[in-house]
Structure formats: structure tokens, C-alpha cells
Amino acid sequence: MLLLIAAESVESVVIILNNITRKSSYASEVQHVKLVEGTPASVSCTVTGGYPLPQVTIIIGNNDITHLFETFINQTLLQGNGHGLRYIKYETHLWTSLRYLPQADADQQVLHCSAEVTGLQVVIQRIQLNICCKSLIWLSI
């Protein structure tokens, strides 16, 4: 009996940043999101599909911030197209609940969530960060 296990590419990558959703499989345009410096932000990235399990990375500018995120992987065993074949569908969730504190140096940087199955096309979702700086008001009496 010969068992062939084929690599499957990632179907989609979704970023949710402060309840603003950005979804597309192979998007080239970048959505802009406004954040306030020092105000905690909620960020999540969900990757659907990919086999074997895709490597998911979250980067702002040139900084890998994947370590700030919790990871949950959902595996579903699905029925294939006959002959009793079944396959696994992965859904990978990375999230940080109010652990990302935007800083002024991230203004105009792009947040990337990328998912890669070795040997197949990398799927990337992007959001450009527009960081509003907190104003300091000095009163002189």
C-alpha cells in the first residue's frame, strides 16, 4: 500500500487589529489602521489551511513580534473524495490581548502576518500602522 501525503498551500490569512478585520488570500493592497501611542492594542492573526502545519510569523517593520502572541491550533479531520480518504485541515490562531503597545517608531510601519508551508507560496496579510502620538500639554503659571 502506497501512501502519498501532498503538501497543501495556505488558503487564507486574516488579521484583526482592534476589531478591524483584514482578509484576503493574496492581497497586494495595504489597509491603514490608526492606533494611539502607548494605548494597548488587541491583535490576532488566523491562518486557514496549509499542510503540513504552516509556520506563522508576525512582523512589524523588521521586528519579529511573534513571541508576544499566544497560539492555538485547531485540527479537523475531514472526509476526502471517496475511497475512505480523510485529510486534516488546520486553523492556526495567534492572538495578543492588549499586550501590544504601539510606539511612535512604529508609525508608518507595516504589520505582516505570514504563513508558509515549506516549498509552497507564502501567504501574507498586511496592515500599515498609523501611530498617533500622545500630546503632552505643559502649563506654565
C-alpha atoms as a PDB file:
ATOM      1  CA  MET A   1       0.000   0.000   0.000  1.00  0.00           C
ATOM      2  CA  LEU A   2       1.434   3.342  -1.084  1.00  0.00           C
ATOM      3  CA  LEU A   3       0.505   6.368   0.993  1.00  0.00           C
ATOM      4  CA  LEU A   4       1.069   9.769  -0.564  1.00  0.00           C
ATOM      5  CA  ILE A   5       0.852  12.873   1.553  1.00  0.00           C
ATOM      6  CA  ALA A   6       0.840  16.016  -0.539  1.00  0.00           C
ATOM      7  CA  ALA A   7       1.669  19.482   0.729  1.00  0.00           C
ATOM      8  CA  GLU A   8      -1.254  21.903   0.667  1.00  0.00           C
ATOM      9  CA  SER A   9      -0.913  25.663   0.442  1.00  0.00           C
ATOM     10  CA  VAL A  10      -2.457  28.074   2.923  1.00  0.00           C
ATOM     11  CA  GLU A  11      -5.993  29.143   1.982  1.00  0.00           C
ATOM     12  CA  SER A  12      -6.153  32.491   3.769  1.00  0.00           C
ATOM     13  CA  VAL A  13      -4.630  34.785   6.371  1.00  0.00           C
ATOM     14  CA  VAL A  14      -6.792  37.162   8.421  1.00  0.00           C
ATOM     15  CA  ILE A  15      -5.533  39.964  10.672  1.00  0.00           C
ATOM     16  CA  ILE A  16      -7.815  41.573  13.239  1.00  0.00           C
ATOM     17  CA  LEU A  17      -6.407  44.707  14.852  1.00  0.00           C
ATOM     18  CA  ASN A  18      -8.659  46.422  17.426  1.00  0.00           C
ATOM     19  CA  ASN A  19     -11.717  44.793  15.830  1.00  0.00           C
ATOM     20  CA  ILE A  20     -10.754  45.876  12.289  1.00  0.00           C
ATOM     21  CA  THR A  21     -10.576  42.813  10.034  1.00  0.00           C
ATOM     22  CA  ARG A  22      -8.260  42.455   7.044  1.00  0.00           C
ATOM     23  CA  LYS A  23      -8.775  39.304   4.999  1.00  0.00           C
ATOM     24  CA  SER A  24      -7.507  38.210   1.640  1.00  0.00           C
ATOM     25  CA  SER A  25      -5.567  35.269   0.315  1.00  0.00           C
ATOM     26  CA  TYR A  26      -3.020  37.051  -1.868  1.00  0.00           C
ATOM     27  CA  ALA A  27      -3.667  40.751  -1.228  1.00  0.00           C
ATOM     28  CA  SER A  28      -1.315  43.369  -2.613  1.00  0.00           C
ATOM     29  CA  GLU A  29      -3.029  46.492  -1.241  1.00  0.00           C
ATOM     30  CA  VAL A  30      -2.389  47.573   2.328  1.00  0.00           C
ATOM     31  CA  GLN A  31      -5.110  48.843   4.679  1.00  0.00           C
ATOM     32  CA  HIS A  32      -4.210  51.647   7.104  1.00  0.00           C
ATOM     33  CA  VAL A  33      -5.134  51.409  10.786  1.00  0.00           C
ATOM     34  CA  LYS A  34      -4.867  54.247  13.294  1.00  0.00           C
ATOM     35  CA  LEU A  35      -3.549  53.464  16.796  1.00  0.00           C
ATOM     36  CA  VAL A  36      -2.592  55.677  19.723  1.00  0.00           C
ATOM     37  CA  GLU A  37       0.942  55.537  21.094  1.00  0.00           C
ATOM     38  CA  GLY A  38       1.137  53.630  24.380  1.00  0.00           C
ATOM     39  CA  THR A  39      -2.509  52.518  24.242  1.00  0.00           C
ATOM     40  CA  PRO A  40      -2.781  48.711  24.357  1.00  0.00           C
ATOM     41  CA  ALA A  41      -3.957  47.121  21.123  1.00  0.00           C
ATOM     42  CA  SER A  42      -5.579  43.755  20.513  1.00  0.00           C
ATOM     43  CA  VAL A  43      -4.044  41.893  17.564  1.00  0.00           C
ATOM     44  CA  SER A  44      -4.847  38.480  16.110  1.00  0.00           C
ATOM     45  CA  CYS A  45      -3.884  36.531  13.026  1.00  0.00           C
ATOM     46  CA  THR A  46      -5.797  33.474  11.809  1.00  0.00           C
ATOM     47  CA  VAL A  47      -4.373  31.153   9.166  1.00  0.00           C
ATOM     48  CA  THR A  48      -6.678  28.665   7.457  1.00  0.00           C
ATOM     49  CA  GLY A  49      -5.369  25.598   5.687  1.00  0.00           C
ATOM     50  CA  GLY A  50      -1.885  24.502   4.865  1.00  0.00           C
ATOM     51  CA  TYR A  51      -0.355  21.045   5.220  1.00  0.00           C
ATOM     52  CA  PRO A  52       1.873  20.235   6.893  1.00  0.00           C
ATOM     53  CA  LEU A  53       1.177  22.787   9.618  1.00  0.00           C
ATOM     54  CA  PRO A  54       2.290  26.202   8.311  1.00  0.00           C
ATOM     55  CA  GLN A  55       4.922  28.360  10.003  1.00  0.00           C
ATOM     56  CA  VAL A  56       3.222  31.621  11.057  1.00  0.00           C
ATOM     57  CA  THR A  57       5.222  34.799  11.679  1.00  0.00           C
ATOM     58  CA  ILE A  58       4.119  38.287  12.739  1.00  0.00           C
ATOM     59  CA  ILE A  59       6.458  41.181  11.955  1.00  0.00           C
ATOM     60  CA  ILE A  60       6.246  44.960  12.335  1.00  0.00           C
ATOM     61  CA  GLY A  61       8.758  46.682  10.078  1.00  0.00           C
ATOM     62  CA  ASN A  62      11.838  44.478  10.577  1.00  0.00           C
ATOM     63  CA  ASN A  63      10.925  43.301  14.099  1.00  0.00           C
ATOM     64  CA  ASP A  64       9.594  39.787  14.608  1.00  0.00           C
ATOM     65  CA  ILE A  65       6.957  40.077  17.357  1.00  0.00           C
ATOM     66  CA  THR A  66       5.594  36.519  17.093  1.00  0.00           C
ATOM     67  CA  HIS A  67       6.802  35.807  20.652  1.00  0.00           C
ATOM     68  CA  LEU A  68       4.201  38.270  22.006  1.00  0.00           C
ATOM     69  CA  PHE A  69       1.383  36.027  20.790  1.00  0.00           C
ATOM     70  CA  GLU A  70      -0.436  33.038  22.232  1.00  0.00           C
ATOM     71  CA  THR A  71      -1.050  30.207  19.743  1.00  0.00           C
ATOM     72  CA  PHE A  72      -3.986  27.859  19.335  1.00  0.00           C
ATOM     73  CA  ILE A  73      -4.123  25.231  16.585  1.00  0.00           C
ATOM     74  CA  ASN A  74      -7.414  23.616  15.599  1.00  0.00           C
ATOM     75  CA  GLN A  75      -7.168  20.351  13.656  1.00  0.00           C
ATOM     76  CA  THR A  76     -10.227  18.969  11.881  1.00  0.00           C
ATOM     77  CA  LEU A  77     -10.306  15.534  10.287  1.00  0.00           C
ATOM     78  CA  LEU A  78     -12.384  15.755   7.092  1.00  0.00           C
ATOM     79  CA  GLN A  79     -13.663  13.150   4.650  1.00  0.00           C
ATOM     80  CA  GLY A  80     -11.883  13.152   1.281  1.00  0.00           C
ATOM     81  CA  ASN A  81     -13.262  12.435  -2.193  1.00  0.00           C
ATOM     82  CA  GLY A  82     -14.066   8.751  -1.818  1.00  0.00           C
ATOM     83  CA  HIS A  83     -12.171   5.518  -1.075  1.00  0.00           C
ATOM     84  CA  GLY A  84     -12.254   6.318   2.634  1.00  0.00           C
ATOM     85  CA  LEU A  85      -9.601   9.002   2.305  1.00  0.00           C
ATOM     86  CA  ARG A  86      -9.522  11.620   5.012  1.00  0.00           C
ATOM     87  CA  TYR A  87      -7.408  14.718   5.491  1.00  0.00           C
ATOM     88  CA  ILE A  88      -6.507  17.167   8.226  1.00  0.00           C
ATOM     89  CA  LYS A  89      -7.422  20.827   7.937  1.00  0.00           C
ATOM     90  CA  TYR A  90      -5.504  23.188  10.203  1.00  0.00           C
ATOM     91  CA  GLU A  91      -6.623  26.549  11.502  1.00  0.00           C
ATOM     92  CA  THR A  92      -3.910  28.413  13.389  1.00  0.00           C
ATOM     93  CA  HIS A  93      -4.809  31.342  15.654  1.00  0.00           C
ATOM     94  CA  LEU A  94      -2.235  33.739  17.089  1.00  0.00           C
ATOM     95  CA  TRP A  95      -3.501  36.477  19.355  1.00  0.00           C
ATOM     96  CA  THR A  96      -2.417  39.012  21.887  1.00  0.00           C
ATOM     97  CA  SER A  97      -4.996  40.640  24.080  1.00  0.00           C
ATOM     98  CA  LEU A  98      -3.825  44.134  24.939  1.00  0.00           C
ATOM     99  CA  ARG A  99      -0.159  43.088  25.026  1.00  0.00           C
ATOM    100  CA  TYR A 100       0.939  45.120  22.032  1.00  0.00           C
ATOM    101  CA  LEU A 101       1.721  48.719  22.971  1.00  0.00           C
ATOM    102  CA  PRO A 102       2.172  50.817  19.821  1.00  0.00           C
ATOM    103  CA  GLN A 103       5.214  53.086  19.929  1.00  0.00           C
ATOM    104  CA  ALA A 104       5.894  56.204  17.845  1.00  0.00           C
ATOM    105  CA  ASP A 105       8.745  54.464  15.991  1.00  0.00           C
ATOM    106  CA  ALA A 106       6.193  52.021  14.518  1.00  0.00           C
ATOM    107  CA  ASP A 107       4.378  54.873  12.746  1.00  0.00           C
ATOM    108  CA  GLN A 108       4.008  54.095   9.025  1.00  0.00           C
ATOM    109  CA  GLN A 109       5.426  50.591   9.589  1.00  0.00           C
ATOM    110  CA  VAL A 110       3.613  47.586   8.146  1.00  0.00           C
ATOM    111  CA  LEU A 111       2.371  44.734  10.318  1.00  0.00           C
ATOM    112  CA  HIS A 112       2.778  41.465   8.383  1.00  0.00           C
ATOM    113  CA  CYS A 113       1.228  38.138   9.247  1.00  0.00           C
ATOM    114  CA  SER A 114       2.725  35.480   7.010  1.00  0.00           C
ATOM    115  CA  ALA A 115       2.055  31.767   6.732  1.00  0.00           C
ATOM    116  CA  GLU A 116       4.361  29.346   4.941  1.00  0.00           C
ATOM    117  CA  VAL A 117       4.249  25.685   4.102  1.00  0.00           C
ATOM    118  CA  THR A 118       7.794  24.734   3.095  1.00  0.00           C
ATOM    119  CA  GLY A 119       8.159  24.659  -0.675  1.00  0.00           C
ATOM    120  CA  LEU A 120       4.867  26.449  -1.368  1.00  0.00           C
ATOM    121  CA  GLN A 121       3.856  30.079  -1.834  1.00  0.00           C
ATOM    122  CA  VAL A 122       3.960  32.261   1.284  1.00  0.00           C
ATOM    123  CA  VAL A 123       0.617  33.928   2.047  1.00  0.00           C
ATOM    124  CA  ILE A 124       0.936  37.349   3.669  1.00  0.00           C
ATOM    125  CA  GLN A 125      -1.574  39.802   5.031  1.00  0.00           C
ATOM    126  CA  ARG A 126      -0.512  43.404   5.748  1.00  0.00           C
ATOM    127  CA  ILE A 127      -1.788  46.389   7.706  1.00  0.00           C
ATOM    128  CA  GLN A 128       0.008  49.744   7.786  1.00  0.00           C
ATOM    129  CA  LEU A 129       0.146  51.299  11.243  1.00  0.00           C
ATOM    130  CA  ASN A 130      -0.564  54.996  11.653  1.00  0.00           C
ATOM    131  CA  ILE A 131       0.501  55.785  15.213  1.00  0.00           C
ATOM    132  CA  CYS A 132      -0.917  58.950  16.759  1.00  0.00           C
ATOM    133  CA  CYS A 133       1.409  60.347  19.388  1.00  0.00           C
ATOM    134  CA  LYS A 134       0.022  61.328  22.755  1.00  0.00           C
ATOM    135  CA  SER A 135       0.290  65.064  23.264  1.00  0.00           C
ATOM    136  CA  LEU A 136       1.938  66.469  26.332  1.00  0.00           C
ATOM    137  CA  ILE A 137       0.472  69.764  27.446  1.00  0.00           C
ATOM    138  CA  TRP A 138       2.709  71.966  29.534  1.00  0.00           C
ATOM    139  CA  LEU A 139       1.112  74.691  31.559  1.00  0.00           C
ATOM    140  CA  SER A 140       3.251  77.477  32.865  1.00  0.00           C
ATOM    141  CA  ILE A 141       1.887  79.630  35.619  1.00  0.00           C
END
